[in-house]
Amino acid sequence: MTSLHHLNTLDRSAFTAALGHLFEHSPWVADETWPHRPFRDAAHLHAALCATMRAASRDRQLALVNAHPDLAGRLAQQQQLTAESTREQASAGLNQLSAAELATFQQLNTAYRARFGFPFIICARLNARDAILAAMQARVHHSAEAEFQTALGEIEKIAQLRLADLMR
């Protein structure tokens, strides 16, 4: 548990270390948000982090999107997800899929990546397994730009929940 006061007093490297996990394998978001301290509250901090992400170049945003694992994908099967991703996927029951369900997820992941060039991203903690499957099936028909923006929005939700966990 970390307080906002504590985060506001950290030097840049400690701030980045404390918040770097909020955006999957992308501590640059926290690092580049540090100069905007002090933050009034958790919502202000989250908004600043998201503003940093949104202001980044398209290539950097794409790298962030691509840093996310496939849902119920190879990394999950090999137990190589980050602790946060493991908990998030488990919260939606993605760690308890039947062989047929796993095959469906993998097929949808492959189709999505083939169409857009990045993984399907959804805030698993806010969705049940069936809702995630339905979203995967529907979103594969969207435009690439719509999906890219949706992915960034889902990353913002993920980061908000991870920040809330940190500040409990």
N, C-alpha and C. Protein backbone atom coordinates (compact mmCIF):
# COMPACT_ATOMS: atom_id res chain seq x y z
N MET A 1 0.85 -1.18 0.00
CA MET A 1 0.00 0.00 0.00
C MET A 1 0.89 1.24 0.00
N THR A 2 0.51 2.20 -0.81
CA THR A 2 1.27 3.43 -0.96
C THR A 2 0.32 4.61 -0.87
N SER A 3 0.77 5.66 -0.22
CA SER A 3 -0.06 6.86 -0.14
C SER A 3 0.31 7.83 -1.25
N LEU A 4 -0.62 8.68 -1.58
CA LEU A 4 -0.37 9.71 -2.59
C LEU A 4 0.74 10.64 -2.11
N HIS A 5 0.71 10.99 -0.83
CA HIS A 5 1.76 11.85 -0.28
C HIS A 5 3.13 11.22 -0.52
N HIS A 6 3.24 9.92 -0.25
CA HIS A 6 4.50 9.23 -0.45
C HIS A 6 4.92 9.28 -1.92
N LEU A 7 4.01 9.00 -2.83
CA LEU A 7 4.33 9.04 -4.26
C LEU A 7 4.80 10.42 -4.69
N ASN A 8 4.15 11.46 -4.16
CA ASN A 8 4.51 12.83 -4.52
C ASN A 8 5.91 13.22 -4.04
N THR A 9 6.44 12.52 -3.03
CA THR A 9 7.75 12.88 -2.47
C THR A 9 8.89 12.06 -3.05
N LEU A 10 8.58 11.05 -3.85
CA LEU A 10 9.62 10.17 -4.39
C LEU A 10 10.45 10.86 -5.47
N ASP A 11 11.72 10.48 -5.53
CA ASP A 11 12.53 10.95 -6.66
C ASP A 11 12.09 10.20 -7.91
N ARG A 12 12.61 10.62 -9.04
CA ARG A 12 12.12 10.10 -10.31
C ARG A 12 12.28 8.58 -10.42
N SER A 13 13.43 8.05 -10.05
CA SER A 13 13.63 6.61 -10.20
C SER A 13 12.75 5.81 -9.26
N ALA A 14 12.56 6.29 -8.05
CA ALA A 14 11.68 5.59 -7.10
C ALA A 14 10.22 5.67 -7.54
N PHE A 15 9.81 6.82 -8.06
CA PHE A 15 8.45 7.00 -8.58
C PHE A 15 8.21 6.02 -9.73
N THR A 16 9.17 5.94 -10.63
CA THR A 16 9.06 5.03 -11.77
C THR A 16 9.01 3.58 -11.30
N ALA A 17 9.83 3.25 -10.32
CA ALA A 17 9.83 1.89 -9.78
C ALA A 17 8.49 1.56 -9.12
N ALA A 18 7.91 2.53 -8.44
CA ALA A 18 6.64 2.30 -7.73
C ALA A 18 5.46 2.17 -8.69
N LEU A 19 5.49 2.90 -9.80
CA LEU A 19 4.34 2.95 -10.70
C LEU A 19 4.59 2.34 -12.08
N GLY A 20 5.78 1.90 -12.33
CA GLY A 20 6.14 1.40 -13.65
C GLY A 20 5.31 0.22 -14.12
N HIS A 21 4.79 -0.56 -13.20
CA HIS A 21 4.00 -1.75 -13.56
C HIS A 21 2.56 -1.42 -13.97
N LEU A 22 2.14 -0.21 -13.79
CA LEU A 22 0.75 0.14 -14.10
C LEU A 22 0.45 -0.02 -15.59
N PHE A 23 1.43 0.25 -16.41
CA PHE A 23 1.31 0.13 -17.87
C PHE A 23 2.25 -1.00 -18.28
N GLU A 24 1.72 -2.09 -18.71
CA GLU A 24 2.41 -3.36 -18.96
C GLU A 24 3.78 -3.18 -19.63
N HIS A 25 4.83 -3.54 -18.91
CA HIS A 25 6.21 -3.50 -19.42
C HIS A 25 6.55 -2.15 -20.04
N SER A 26 5.97 -1.07 -19.51
CA SER A 26 6.19 0.26 -20.08
C SER A 26 6.39 1.30 -18.98
N PRO A 27 7.48 1.18 -18.21
CA PRO A 27 7.71 2.14 -17.12
C PRO A 27 7.93 3.57 -17.58
N TRP A 28 8.15 3.76 -18.88
CA TRP A 28 8.34 5.11 -19.41
C TRP A 28 7.13 5.99 -19.14
N VAL A 29 5.95 5.41 -19.03
CA VAL A 29 4.75 6.22 -18.77
C VAL A 29 4.88 6.90 -17.40
N ALA A 30 5.24 6.12 -16.39
CA ALA A 30 5.42 6.69 -15.05
C ALA A 30 6.60 7.66 -15.04
N ASP A 31 7.70 7.26 -15.67
CA ASP A 31 8.91 8.10 -15.69
C ASP A 31 8.62 9.48 -16.27
N GLU A 32 7.88 9.51 -17.36
CA GLU A 32 7.61 10.79 -18.01
C GLU A 32 6.47 11.57 -17.36
N THR A 33 5.77 10.94 -16.43
CA THR A 33 4.71 11.63 -15.69
C THR A 33 5.27 12.28 -14.42
N TRP A 34 6.37 11.77 -13.92
CA TRP A 34 6.97 12.25 -12.67
C TRP A 34 7.08 13.78 -12.59
N PRO A 35 7.52 14.48 -13.64
CA PRO A 35 7.67 15.93 -13.51
C PRO A 35 6.37 16.69 -13.23
N HIS A 36 5.24 16.05 -13.39
CA HIS A 36 3.95 16.73 -13.20
C HIS A 36 3.48 16.69 -11.75
N ARG A 37 4.30 16.15 -10.85
CA ARG A 37 3.94 16.15 -9.44
C ARG A 37 3.84 17.58 -8.93
N PRO A 38 3.15 17.85 -7.87
CA PRO A 38 2.39 16.90 -7.04
C PRO A 38 1.00 16.65 -7.64
N PHE A 39 0.48 15.49 -7.30
CA PHE A 39 -0.86 15.10 -7.74
C PHE A 39 -1.83 15.32 -6.59
N ARG A 40 -3.00 15.85 -6.92
CA ARG A 40 -4.02 16.17 -5.90
C ARG A 40 -4.64 14.93 -5.30
N ASP A 41 -4.85 13.93 -6.15
CA ASP A 41 -5.51 12.70 -5.70
C ASP A 41 -5.20 11.61 -6.72
N ALA A 42 -5.71 10.42 -6.45
CA ALA A 42 -5.43 9.29 -7.35
C ALA A 42 -5.99 9.54 -8.75
N ALA A 43 -7.14 10.19 -8.83
CA ALA A 43 -7.74 10.48 -10.14
C ALA A 43 -6.84 11.42 -10.95
N HIS A 44 -6.27 12.42 -10.28
CA HIS A 44 -5.37 13.36 -10.95
C HIS A 44 -4.11 12.63 -11.43
N LEU A 45 -3.56 11.75 -10.58
CA LEU A 45 -2.39 10.97 -10.96
C LEU A 45 -2.71 10.07 -12.17
N HIS A 46 -3.84 9.38 -12.11
CA HIS A 46 -4.22 8.51 -13.23
C HIS A 46 -4.40 9.32 -14.50
N ALA A 47 -5.04 10.47 -14.41
CA ALA A 47 -5.24 11.32 -15.59
C ALA A 47 -3.91 11.77 -16.17
N ALA A 48 -2.96 12.10 -15.31
CA ALA A 48 -1.64 12.53 -15.78
C ALA A 48 -0.91 11.37 -16.47
N LEU A 49 -0.99 10.19 -15.90
CA LEU A 49 -0.37 9.01 -16.51
C LEU A 49 -0.98 8.76 -17.90
N CYS A 50 -2.29 8.83 -17.97
CA CYS A 50 -2.98 8.60 -19.25
C CYS A 50 -2.64 9.69 -20.26
N ALA A 51 -2.51 10.92 -19.80
CA ALA A 51 -2.13 12.01 -20.70
C ALA A 51 -0.73 11.77 -21.28
N THR A 52 0.16 11.26 -20.45
CA THR A 52 1.51 10.92 -20.92
C THR A 52 1.43 9.85 -22.01
N MET A 53 0.64 8.81 -21.75
CA MET A 53 0.48 7.74 -22.72
C MET A 53 -0.12 8.28 -24.02
N ARG A 54 -1.16 9.09 -23.91
CA ARG A 54 -1.85 9.61 -25.10
C ARG A 54 -0.98 10.58 -25.88
N ALA A 55 -0.05 11.28 -25.21
CA ALA A 55 0.82 12.25 -25.89
C ALA A 55 2.02 11.59 -26.55
N ALA A 56 2.24 10.33 -26.28
CA ALA A 56 3.39 9.62 -26.85
C ALA A 56 3.20 9.44 -28.36
N SER A 57 4.30 9.17 -29.01
CA SER A 57 4.24 8.92 -30.45
C SER A 57 3.43 7.65 -30.72
N ARG A 58 2.94 7.54 -31.92
CA ARG A 58 2.18 6.35 -32.32
C ARG A 58 3.03 5.08 -32.15
N ASP A 59 4.30 5.15 -32.51
CA ASP A 59 5.18 3.99 -32.36
C ASP A 59 5.31 3.57 -30.90
N ARG A 60 5.43 4.54 -30.02
CA ARG A 60 5.55 4.22 -28.60
C ARG A 60 4.24 3.64 -28.06
N GLN A 61 3.12 4.21 -28.49
CA GLN A 61 1.82 3.67 -28.09
C GLN A 61 1.66 2.24 -28.61
N LEU A 62 2.07 2.00 -29.84
CA LEU A 62 1.96 0.66 -30.41
C LEU A 62 2.83 -0.32 -29.64
N ALA A 63 4.01 0.10 -29.24
CA ALA A 63 4.88 -0.76 -28.42
C ALA A 63 4.20 -1.09 -27.10
N LEU A 64 3.53 -0.11 -26.50
CA LEU A 64 2.79 -0.35 -25.26
C LEU A 64 1.67 -1.35 -25.48
N VAL A 65 0.90 -1.18 -26.53
CA VAL A 65 -0.18 -2.11 -26.85
C VAL A 65 0.40 -3.51 -27.05
N ASN A 66 1.49 -3.60 -27.78
CA ASN A 66 2.11 -4.89 -28.07
C ASN A 66 2.77 -5.53 -26.85
N ALA A 67 2.99 -4.76 -25.80
CA ALA A 67 3.57 -5.30 -24.57
C ALA A 67 2.55 -6.15 -23.80
N HIS A 68 1.29 -6.05 -24.17
CA HIS A 68 0.24 -6.82 -23.49
C HIS A 68 0.17 -8.24 -24.04
N PRO A 69 -0.05 -9.18 -23.15
CA PRO A 69 -0.12 -10.58 -23.59
C PRO A 69 -1.49 -10.91 -24.19
N ASP A 70 -1.51 -11.94 -25.01
CA ASP A 70 -2.79 -12.46 -25.49
C ASP A 70 -3.56 -13.02 -24.30
N LEU A 71 -4.87 -12.87 -24.33
CA LEU A 71 -5.71 -13.45 -23.28
C LEU A 71 -5.72 -14.96 -23.43
N ALA A 72 -5.39 -15.64 -22.34
CA ALA A 72 -5.32 -17.11 -22.32
C ALA A 72 -4.36 -17.62 -23.39
N GLY A 73 -3.34 -16.84 -23.68
CA GLY A 73 -2.39 -17.18 -24.74
C GLY A 73 -1.23 -18.02 -24.26
N ARG A 74 -0.21 -18.08 -25.10
CA ARG A 74 0.96 -18.91 -24.84
C ARG A 74 1.64 -18.54 -23.52
N LEU A 75 1.82 -17.24 -23.26
CA LEU A 75 2.49 -16.83 -22.03
C LEU A 75 1.69 -17.25 -20.79
N ALA A 76 0.38 -17.17 -20.89
CA ALA A 76 -0.46 -17.61 -19.77
C ALA A 76 -0.32 -19.11 -19.57
N GLN A 77 -0.31 -19.86 -20.66
CA GLN A 77 -0.19 -21.31 -20.57
C GLN A 77 1.17 -21.72 -20.00
N GLN A 78 2.18 -20.93 -20.26
CA GLN A 78 3.53 -21.22 -19.76
C GLN A 78 3.81 -20.54 -18.42
N GLN A 79 2.78 -19.91 -17.86
CA GLN A 79 2.87 -19.19 -16.58
C GLN A 79 4.00 -18.16 -16.59
N GLN A 80 4.04 -17.37 -17.67
CA GLN A 80 5.07 -16.35 -17.83
C GLN A 80 4.49 -14.94 -17.88
N LEU A 81 3.26 -14.77 -17.41
CA LEU A 81 2.67 -13.44 -17.35
C LEU A 81 3.21 -12.68 -16.15
N THR A 82 3.07 -11.35 -16.18
CA THR A 82 3.38 -10.58 -14.97
C THR A 82 2.38 -10.99 -13.89
N ALA A 83 2.72 -10.72 -12.65
CA ALA A 83 1.81 -11.04 -11.55
C ALA A 83 0.46 -10.35 -11.74
N GLU A 84 0.49 -9.11 -12.21
CA GLU A 84 -0.75 -8.37 -12.42
C GLU A 84 -1.60 -9.02 -13.50
N SER A 85 -0.99 -9.36 -14.64
CA SER A 85 -1.74 -9.98 -15.72
C SER A 85 -2.29 -11.34 -15.31
N THR A 86 -1.53 -12.08 -14.54
CA THR A 86 -1.99 -13.39 -14.05
C THR A 86 -3.26 -13.22 -13.22
N ARG A 87 -3.23 -12.28 -12.28
CA ARG A 87 -4.41 -12.02 -11.43
C ARG A 87 -5.59 -11.52 -12.27
N GLU A 88 -5.32 -10.64 -13.20
CA GLU A 88 -6.40 -10.06 -14.01
C GLU A 88 -7.07 -11.11 -14.89
N GLN A 89 -6.27 -11.94 -15.53
CA GLN A 89 -6.86 -12.98 -16.37
C GLN A 89 -7.61 -14.01 -15.52
N ALA A 90 -7.08 -14.33 -14.35
CA ALA A 90 -7.76 -15.27 -13.45
C ALA A 90 -9.09 -14.70 -12.96
N SER A 91 -9.15 -13.39 -12.76
CA SER A 91 -10.39 -12.78 -12.26
C SER A 91 -11.55 -12.97 -13.24
N ALA A 92 -11.22 -13.14 -14.52
CA ALA A 92 -12.25 -13.38 -15.54
C ALA A 92 -12.42 -14.87 -15.83
N GLY A 93 -11.71 -15.70 -15.07
CA GLY A 93 -11.83 -17.14 -15.26
C GLY A 93 -11.04 -17.68 -16.44
N LEU A 94 -10.11 -16.89 -16.95
CA LEU A 94 -9.37 -17.32 -18.13
C LEU A 94 -8.31 -18.38 -17.80
N ASN A 95 -8.10 -18.62 -16.53
CA ASN A 95 -7.17 -19.67 -16.11
C ASN A 95 -7.89 -21.00 -15.89
N GLN A 96 -9.18 -21.04 -16.17
CA GLN A 96 -9.98 -22.25 -15.95
C GLN A 96 -10.78 -22.62 -17.19
N LEU A 97 -10.19 -22.44 -18.35
CA LEU A 97 -10.88 -22.72 -19.60
C LEU A 97 -10.80 -24.21 -19.93
N SER A 98 -11.87 -24.71 -20.52
CA SER A 98 -11.82 -26.07 -21.06
C SER A 98 -10.92 -26.06 -22.29
N ALA A 99 -10.56 -27.22 -22.78
CA ALA A 99 -9.73 -27.31 -23.97
C ALA A 99 -10.41 -26.63 -25.16
N ALA A 100 -11.71 -26.80 -25.29
CA ALA A 100 -12.45 -26.19 -26.40
C ALA A 100 -12.47 -24.66 -26.25
N GLU A 101 -12.68 -24.17 -25.03
CA GLU A 101 -12.69 -22.72 -24.81
C GLU A 101 -11.31 -22.14 -25.08
N LEU A 102 -10.28 -22.83 -24.63
CA LEU A 102 -8.92 -22.36 -24.87
C LEU A 102 -8.63 -22.29 -26.37
N ALA A 103 -9.06 -23.29 -27.10
CA ALA A 103 -8.88 -23.29 -28.56
C ALA A 103 -9.61 -22.12 -29.20
N THR A 104 -10.80 -21.80 -28.72
CA THR A 104 -11.56 -20.67 -29.24
C THR A 104 -10.82 -19.37 -28.97
N PHE A 105 -10.33 -19.18 -27.75
CA PHE A 105 -9.57 -17.97 -27.42
C PHE A 105 -8.35 -17.85 -28.31
N GLN A 106 -7.63 -18.93 -28.48
CA GLN A 106 -6.41 -18.89 -29.28
C GLN A 106 -6.73 -18.58 -30.74
N GLN A 107 -7.81 -19.13 -31.25
CA GLN A 107 -8.22 -18.85 -32.63
C GLN A 107 -8.59 -17.37 -32.79
N LEU A 108 -9.34 -16.84 -31.83
CA LEU A 108 -9.73 -15.43 -31.89
C LEU A 108 -8.52 -14.51 -31.73
N ASN A 109 -7.60 -14.87 -30.84
CA ASN A 109 -6.37 -14.08 -30.68
C ASN A 109 -5.60 -14.03 -31.99
N THR A 110 -5.48 -15.16 -32.65
CA THR A 110 -4.75 -15.24 -33.91
C THR A 110 -5.42 -14.40 -34.99
N ALA A 111 -6.73 -14.50 -35.10
CA ALA A 111 -7.47 -13.73 -36.10
C ALA A 111 -7.35 -12.22 -35.82
N TYR A 112 -7.44 -11.85 -34.56
CA TYR A 112 -7.35 -10.43 -34.20
C TYR A 112 -5.97 -9.88 -34.53
N ARG A 113 -4.93 -10.60 -34.11
CA ARG A 113 -3.56 -10.15 -34.40
C ARG A 113 -3.30 -10.07 -35.90
N ALA A 114 -3.83 -11.04 -36.65
CA ALA A 114 -3.64 -11.03 -38.10
C ALA A 114 -4.28 -9.80 -38.72
N ARG A 115 -5.42 -9.40 -38.21
CA ARG A 115 -6.14 -8.26 -38.78
C ARG A 115 -5.52 -6.93 -38.37
N PHE A 116 -5.12 -6.80 -37.10
CA PHE A 116 -4.70 -5.49 -36.59
C PHE A 116 -3.20 -5.36 -36.32
N GLY A 117 -2.50 -6.47 -36.14
CA GLY A 117 -1.07 -6.39 -35.87
C GLY A 117 -0.73 -6.14 -34.42
N PHE A 118 -1.69 -6.26 -33.54
CA PHE A 118 -1.46 -6.11 -32.10
C PHE A 118 -2.49 -6.98 -31.37
N PRO A 119 -2.24 -7.24 -30.08
CA PRO A 119 -3.13 -8.14 -29.35
C PRO A 119 -4.47 -7.48 -28.99
N PHE A 120 -5.46 -8.32 -28.83
CA PHE A 120 -6.76 -7.88 -28.33
C PHE A 120 -6.59 -7.49 -26.87
N ILE A 121 -7.02 -6.29 -26.53
CA ILE A 121 -6.89 -5.82 -25.15
C ILE A 121 -8.27 -5.45 -24.62
N ILE A 122 -8.55 -5.99 -23.45
CA ILE A 122 -9.77 -5.65 -22.73
C ILE A 122 -9.44 -5.72 -21.24
N CYS A 123 -10.06 -4.91 -20.46
CA CYS A 123 -9.84 -4.95 -19.01
C CYS A 123 -10.55 -6.19 -18.46
N ALA A 124 -9.79 -7.26 -18.30
CA ALA A 124 -10.37 -8.54 -17.89
C ALA A 124 -11.07 -8.45 -16.54
N ARG A 125 -10.57 -7.61 -15.65
CA ARG A 125 -11.19 -7.50 -14.32
C ARG A 125 -12.60 -6.93 -14.38
N LEU A 126 -12.91 -6.24 -15.44
CA LEU A 126 -14.24 -5.64 -15.57
C LEU A 126 -15.17 -6.46 -16.47
N ASN A 127 -14.72 -7.64 -16.89
CA ASN A 127 -15.49 -8.46 -17.81
C ASN A 127 -15.42 -9.93 -17.44
N ALA A 128 -16.50 -10.63 -17.65
CA ALA A 128 -16.52 -12.07 -17.46
C ALA A 128 -16.05 -12.74 -18.75
N ARG A 129 -15.72 -13.98 -18.64
CA ARG A 129 -15.20 -14.76 -19.78
C ARG A 129 -16.11 -14.66 -21.00
N ASP A 130 -17.41 -14.84 -20.82
CA ASP A 130 -18.34 -14.79 -21.96
C ASP A 130 -18.38 -13.41 -22.61
N ALA A 131 -18.31 -12.37 -21.79
CA ALA A 131 -18.30 -11.00 -22.33
C ALA A 131 -17.01 -10.74 -23.12
N ILE A 132 -15.90 -11.29 -22.65
CA ILE A 132 -14.64 -11.13 -23.36
C ILE A 132 -14.71 -11.83 -24.71
N LEU A 133 -15.23 -13.03 -24.73
CA LEU A 133 -15.38 -13.76 -26.00
C LEU A 133 -16.26 -12.99 -26.97
N ALA A 134 -17.38 -12.49 -26.48
CA ALA A 134 -18.29 -11.72 -27.34
C ALA A 134 -17.60 -10.47 -27.88
N ALA A 135 -16.83 -9.80 -27.04
CA ALA A 135 -16.11 -8.60 -27.48
C ALA A 135 -15.06 -8.95 -28.54
N MET A 136 -14.37 -10.05 -28.34
CA MET A 136 -13.37 -10.47 -29.33
C MET A 136 -14.03 -10.73 -30.68
N GLN A 137 -15.16 -11.41 -30.64
CA GLN A 137 -15.87 -11.73 -31.88
C GLN A 137 -16.40 -10.48 -32.57
N ALA A 138 -16.84 -9.50 -31.81
CA ALA A 138 -17.39 -8.28 -32.39
C ALA A 138 -16.30 -7.32 -32.85
N ARG A 139 -15.29 -7.13 -32.04
CA ARG A 139 -14.29 -6.10 -32.32
C ARG A 139 -13.39 -6.44 -33.49
N VAL A 140 -13.27 -7.69 -33.86
CA VAL A 140 -12.41 -8.07 -34.99
C VAL A 140 -12.94 -7.46 -36.30
N HIS A 141 -14.18 -6.99 -36.28
CA HIS A 141 -14.78 -6.40 -37.47
C HIS A 141 -14.67 -4.87 -37.49
N HIS A 142 -14.08 -4.28 -36.46
CA HIS A 142 -13.93 -2.83 -36.40
C HIS A 142 -12.77 -2.37 -37.28
N SER A 143 -12.67 -1.06 -37.44
CA SER A 143 -11.54 -0.51 -38.18
C SER A 143 -10.28 -0.58 -37.31
N ALA A 144 -9.13 -0.55 -37.96
CA ALA A 144 -7.87 -0.60 -37.23
C ALA A 144 -7.73 0.58 -36.28
N GLU A 145 -8.11 1.76 -36.72
CA GLU A 145 -7.98 2.94 -35.85
C GLU A 145 -8.93 2.85 -34.66
N ALA A 146 -10.15 2.39 -34.88
CA ALA A 146 -11.10 2.24 -33.77
C ALA A 146 -10.55 1.25 -32.75
N GLU A 147 -9.98 0.16 -33.23
CA GLU A 147 -9.43 -0.84 -32.31
C GLU A 147 -8.20 -0.33 -31.58
N PHE A 148 -7.39 0.45 -32.25
CA PHE A 148 -6.21 1.01 -31.59
C PHE A 148 -6.65 1.94 -30.45
N GLN A 149 -7.62 2.79 -30.72
CA GLN A 149 -8.12 3.70 -29.69
C GLN A 149 -8.82 2.94 -28.57
N THR A 150 -9.55 1.88 -28.91
CA THR A 150 -10.19 1.05 -27.90
C THR A 150 -9.13 0.40 -27.02
N ALA A 151 -8.05 -0.09 -27.63
CA ALA A 151 -6.97 -0.71 -26.86
C ALA A 151 -6.38 0.29 -25.86
N LEU A 152 -6.13 1.52 -26.30
CA LEU A 152 -5.60 2.53 -25.38
C LEU A 152 -6.58 2.81 -24.24
N GLY A 153 -7.86 2.86 -24.55
CA GLY A 153 -8.87 3.08 -23.51
C GLY A 153 -8.91 1.93 -22.51
N GLU A 154 -8.77 0.71 -22.99
CA GLU A 154 -8.75 -0.45 -22.09
C GLU A 154 -7.50 -0.44 -21.23
N ILE A 155 -6.37 -0.02 -21.80
CA ILE A 155 -5.13 0.10 -21.03
C ILE A 155 -5.31 1.13 -19.91
N GLU A 156 -6.02 2.20 -20.19
CA GLU A 156 -6.30 3.19 -19.14
C GLU A 156 -7.10 2.57 -18.00
N LYS A 157 -8.09 1.74 -18.32
CA LYS A 157 -8.88 1.07 -17.28
C LYS A 157 -8.01 0.12 -16.46
N ILE A 158 -7.17 -0.63 -17.14
CA ILE A 158 -6.27 -1.56 -16.46
C ILE A 158 -5.37 -0.80 -15.49
N ALA A 159 -4.78 0.29 -15.97
CA ALA A 159 -3.89 1.10 -15.14
C ALA A 159 -4.62 1.69 -13.94
N GLN A 160 -5.86 2.11 -14.15
CA GLN A 160 -6.63 2.68 -13.05
C GLN A 160 -6.86 1.65 -11.94
N LEU A 161 -7.19 0.43 -12.32
CA LEU A 161 -7.40 -0.61 -11.32
C LEU A 161 -6.10 -1.00 -10.63
N ARG A 162 -5.02 -1.05 -11.38
CA ARG A 162 -3.72 -1.37 -10.78
C ARG A 162 -3.29 -0.26 -9.81
N LEU A 163 -3.56 0.99 -10.16
CA LEU A 163 -3.24 2.10 -9.26
C LEU A 163 -4.09 2.01 -8.00
N ALA A 164 -5.36 1.70 -8.15
CA ALA A 164 -6.25 1.56 -6.98
C ALA A 164 -5.73 0.46 -6.07
N ASP A 165 -5.27 -0.64 -6.64
CA ASP A 165 -4.70 -1.73 -5.83
C ASP A 165 -3.48 -1.26 -5.05
N LEU A 166 -2.65 -0.48 -5.69
CA LEU A 166 -1.43 0.01 -5.07
C LEU A 166 -1.72 0.96 -3.92
N MET A 167 -2.79 1.74 -4.05
CA MET A 167 -3.09 2.78 -3.06
C MET A 167 -4.09 2.34 -1.99
N ARG A 168 -4.49 1.09 -2.00
CA ARG A 168 -5.44 0.60 -0.97
C ARG A 168 -4.83 0.65 0.39
